[in-house]
């Protein structure tokens, strides 16, 4: 059973590294962060390849979606990407505050790092 889980996780990890070409779509270029195009609400209007899918979760509710997008954009630039497609922005439980016995919420941003063709 444990070996089966490792095989499934390994397959998922390798699949996440594969590049998949896309032809473009209906997204909006919402901003550019340090030279990285940030697409929201859909795919870029020009052909691109997905380099990787990444996500960031802030430390707590004092973090913002914008801050998490900036950190993803910095990672994208370091990896040689041209842009990122924001897939989702949600609030999630980042940890439990044991003293107050309540969850600590934080912003989570998931995005694809892309390279234009």
Protein backbone atom coordinates (compact mmCIF):
# COMPACT_ATOMS: atom_id res chain seq x y z
CA UNK A 1 0.00 0.00 0.00
CA UNK A 2 2.79 2.43 0.90
CA UNK A 3 4.70 1.57 -2.28
CA UNK A 4 1.55 2.23 -4.34
CA UNK A 5 1.23 5.70 -2.77
CA UNK A 6 4.85 6.52 -3.61
CA UNK A 7 4.33 5.42 -7.21
CA UNK A 8 1.20 7.57 -7.54
CA UNK A 9 2.94 10.59 -5.95
CA UNK A 10 5.96 10.09 -8.19
CA UNK A 11 3.78 9.95 -11.30
CA UNK A 12 1.99 13.14 -10.25
CA UNK A 13 5.28 14.91 -9.59
CA UNK A 14 6.61 13.97 -13.02
CA UNK A 15 3.37 14.98 -14.70
CA UNK A 16 3.60 18.38 -13.05
CA UNK A 17 7.01 18.92 -14.64
CA UNK A 18 5.85 18.17 -18.18
CA UNK A 19 5.41 21.06 -20.59
CA UNK A 20 2.06 21.25 -22.29
CA UNK A 21 1.45 23.64 -25.18
CA UNK A 22 -1.65 25.84 -25.10
CA UNK A 23 -3.03 27.94 -27.88
CA UNK A 24 -4.36 30.90 -25.95
CA UNK A 25 -7.67 31.98 -24.61
CA UNK A 26 -9.80 34.61 -22.97
CA UNK A 27 -7.70 35.74 -20.01
CA UNK A 28 -6.90 39.31 -19.11
CA UNK A 29 -3.40 40.64 -18.57
CA UNK A 30 -4.06 42.08 -15.13
CA UNK A 31 -0.56 43.33 -14.40
CA UNK A 32 3.13 42.92 -14.94
CA UNK A 33 5.30 42.23 -11.91
CA UNK A 34 9.02 42.77 -12.48
CA UNK A 35 8.69 41.81 -16.15
CA UNK A 36 6.40 38.80 -15.53
CA UNK A 37 2.94 39.03 -17.15
CA UNK A 38 0.15 38.10 -14.72
CA UNK A 39 -2.91 36.64 -16.45
CA UNK A 40 -6.22 36.27 -14.60
CA UNK A 41 -9.65 34.97 -15.54
CA UNK A 42 -8.37 32.64 -18.27
CA UNK A 43 -5.45 31.87 -20.53
CA UNK A 44 -3.20 34.31 -22.42
CA UNK A 45 -4.29 35.36 -25.89
CA UNK A 46 -1.09 34.03 -27.46
CA UNK A 47 0.46 30.55 -27.65
CA UNK A 48 2.43 29.44 -24.61
CA UNK A 49 3.76 26.39 -22.80
CA UNK A 50 3.16 25.59 -19.16
CA UNK A 51 6.48 25.18 -17.36
CA UNK A 52 5.14 24.30 -13.92
CA UNK A 53 2.19 24.75 -11.59
CA UNK A 54 3.03 26.34 -8.24
CA UNK A 55 1.19 27.53 -5.17
CA UNK A 56 1.95 29.75 -2.21
CA UNK A 57 0.19 30.03 1.10
CA UNK A 58 0.77 33.11 3.22
CA UNK A 59 1.80 32.78 6.86
CA UNK A 60 -1.49 34.20 8.18
CA UNK A 61 -4.30 36.62 7.37
CA UNK A 62 -1.95 39.62 7.42
CA UNK A 63 -0.58 38.42 4.06
CA UNK A 64 -2.38 39.44 0.87
CA UNK A 65 -3.06 37.76 -2.45
CA UNK A 66 -0.92 40.44 -4.09
CA UNK A 67 2.05 39.60 -1.90
CA UNK A 68 1.75 35.92 -2.72
CA UNK A 69 1.49 36.73 -6.46
CA UNK A 70 4.65 38.84 -6.17
CA UNK A 71 6.51 35.91 -4.61
CA UNK A 72 5.31 33.58 -7.38
CA UNK A 73 6.35 36.15 -10.00
CA UNK A 74 9.84 36.33 -8.47
CA UNK A 75 10.06 32.53 -8.69
CA UNK A 76 8.81 32.67 -12.30
CA UNK A 77 11.47 35.22 -13.23
CA UNK A 78 14.19 33.15 -11.58
CA UNK A 79 13.09 30.11 -13.60
CA UNK A 80 13.04 32.01 -16.91
CA UNK A 81 9.26 32.19 -17.35
CA UNK A 82 7.56 34.97 -19.32
CA UNK A 83 4.38 35.05 -17.27
CA UNK A 84 2.01 33.33 -14.93
CA UNK A 85 -1.64 32.33 -15.21
CA UNK A 86 -3.43 32.67 -11.87
CA UNK A 87 -5.58 29.56 -11.47
CA UNK A 88 -7.10 30.26 -8.07
CA UNK A 89 -7.03 32.57 -5.07
CA UNK A 90 -8.65 31.27 -1.89
CA UNK A 91 -8.37 31.59 1.86
CA UNK A 92 -7.21 28.38 3.55
CA UNK A 93 -6.32 27.20 7.03
CA UNK A 94 -2.57 27.66 7.32
CA UNK A 95 -2.27 26.29 10.85
CA UNK A 96 -4.09 25.94 14.16
CA UNK A 97 -3.66 28.43 16.99
CA UNK A 98 -3.57 26.03 19.92
CA UNK A 99 -3.72 28.79 22.53
CA UNK A 100 -6.97 30.17 21.11
CA UNK A 101 -8.17 26.81 19.76
CA UNK A 102 -9.00 28.22 16.33
CA UNK A 103 -7.67 27.99 12.79
CA UNK A 104 -5.41 30.68 11.33
CA UNK A 105 -6.52 31.59 7.80
CA UNK A 106 -4.18 32.73 5.05
CA UNK A 107 -4.37 33.55 1.31
CA UNK A 108 -3.42 30.78 -1.12
CA UNK A 109 -2.55 31.52 -4.75
CA UNK A 110 -2.11 28.78 -7.35
CA UNK A 111 -0.62 29.66 -10.74
CA UNK A 112 0.97 28.19 -13.83
CA UNK A 113 4.39 29.50 -14.85
CA UNK A 114 4.38 29.97 -18.63
CA UNK A 115 6.79 30.54 -21.50
CA UNK A 116 5.51 32.22 -24.67
CA UNK A 117 6.13 30.40 -27.93
